Protein backbone atom coordinates (compact mmCIF):
# COMPACT_ATOMS: atom_id res chain seq x y z
CA UNK A 1 35.24 37.37 -19.37
CA UNK A 2 36.87 35.34 -22.11
CA UNK A 3 34.75 33.76 -24.84
CA UNK A 4 35.17 29.90 -24.75
CA UNK A 5 35.15 29.70 -28.53
CA UNK A 6 38.24 31.89 -28.63
CA UNK A 7 40.14 29.63 -26.20
CA UNK A 8 40.00 25.95 -27.23
CA UNK A 9 41.38 24.69 -23.91
CA UNK A 10 38.62 26.51 -22.01
CA UNK A 11 36.03 25.09 -24.39
CA UNK A 12 37.40 21.59 -23.76
CA UNK A 13 37.18 22.17 -19.98
CA UNK A 14 33.57 23.30 -20.28
CA UNK A 15 32.78 20.27 -22.42
CA UNK A 16 34.34 17.92 -19.86
CA UNK A 17 32.35 19.55 -17.08
CA UNK A 18 29.14 19.22 -19.07
CA UNK A 19 29.91 15.56 -19.74
CA UNK A 20 30.43 14.97 -16.01
CA UNK A 21 27.12 16.67 -15.26
CA UNK A 22 25.36 14.54 -17.88
CA UNK A 23 26.89 11.33 -16.50
CA UNK A 24 25.85 12.27 -12.98
CA UNK A 25 22.32 13.05 -14.13
CA UNK A 26 22.09 9.77 -16.02
CA UNK A 27 23.20 7.88 -12.90
CA UNK A 28 20.59 9.66 -10.81
CA UNK A 29 17.88 8.92 -13.38
CA UNK A 30 18.81 5.23 -13.37
CA UNK A 31 18.60 5.14 -9.55
CA UNK A 32 15.19 6.79 -9.74
CA UNK A 33 13.99 4.26 -12.32
CA UNK A 34 15.11 1.38 -10.09
CA UNK A 35 13.41 2.95 -7.07
CA UNK A 36 10.21 3.53 -9.04
CA UNK A 37 10.23 -0.11 -10.15
CA UNK A 38 10.69 -1.22 -6.53
CA UNK A 39 7.85 1.03 -5.36
CA UNK A 40 5.53 -0.16 -8.15
CA UNK A 41 6.21 -3.77 -7.19
CA UNK A 42 5.57 -2.97 -3.54
CA UNK A 43 2.36 -1.15 -4.49
CA UNK A 44 1.20 -4.19 -6.48
CA UNK A 45 1.87 -6.42 -3.48
CA UNK A 46 -0.03 -4.05 -1.20
CA UNK A 47 -2.99 -3.89 -3.60
CA UNK A 48 -3.12 -7.68 -3.72
CA UNK A 49 -2.98 -7.85 0.07
CA UNK A 50 -5.68 -5.20 0.31
CA UNK A 51 -8.01 -7.17 -1.95
CA UNK A 52 -7.38 -10.28 0.13
CA UNK A 53 -8.07 -8.43 3.37
CA UNK A 54 -11.29 -6.95 1.97
CA UNK A 55 -12.46 -10.42 0.93
CA UNK A 56 -11.53 -11.81 4.33
CA UNK A 57 -13.41 -8.97 6.01
CA UNK A 58 -16.49 -9.60 3.85
CA UNK A 59 -16.40 -13.32 4.76
CA UNK A 60 -16.09 -12.38 8.41
CA UNK A 61 -19.07 -10.04 8.20
CA UNK A 62 -21.10 -12.72 6.42
CA UNK A 63 -20.18 -15.22 9.14
CA UNK A 64 -21.22 -12.77 11.84
CA UNK A 65 -24.61 -12.28 10.17
CA UNK A 66 -25.43 -16.01 9.90
CA UNK A 67 -24.44 -17.10 13.41
CA UNK A 68 -27.48 -18.13 15.48
CA UNK A 69 -28.50 -15.69 18.17
CA UNK A 70 -26.41 -12.94 16.67
CA UNK A 71 -27.80 -9.51 17.37
CA UNK A 72 -26.93 -7.69 14.17
CA UNK A 73 -28.18 -4.40 15.58
CA UNK A 74 -25.02 -4.18 17.67
CA UNK A 75 -22.96 -4.64 14.51
CA UNK A 76 -25.10 -2.05 12.76
CA UNK A 77 -24.04 0.51 15.34
CA UNK A 78 -20.62 0.49 13.72
CA UNK A 79 -20.76 2.80 10.72
CA UNK A 80 -18.60 0.53 8.55
CA UNK A 81 -20.76 -2.51 9.27
CA UNK A 82 -23.95 -0.57 8.60
CA UNK A 83 -22.58 0.42 5.19
CA UNK A 84 -21.51 -3.15 4.43
CA UNK A 85 -24.92 -4.51 5.42
CA UNK A 86 -26.67 -2.08 3.05
CA UNK A 87 -24.78 -3.46 0.05
């Protein structure tokens, strides 16, 4: 096998190939950065929605507890409700 340093044209070919590889990798990294940004934004939106849903659920549970004639023992049979009522 010929040593690239002994053949300047081969060395130039290798350099061009390496440059193409680097450009391709940089393009892929940029796409990944954009995708990560999109996913982080989506995650932020989902976290906000989750907080809102938890608050709505807590208000709902509080409303269920204060309604007249409400038998809270039936709600307590649900594990989640029993945990919420303990808090």
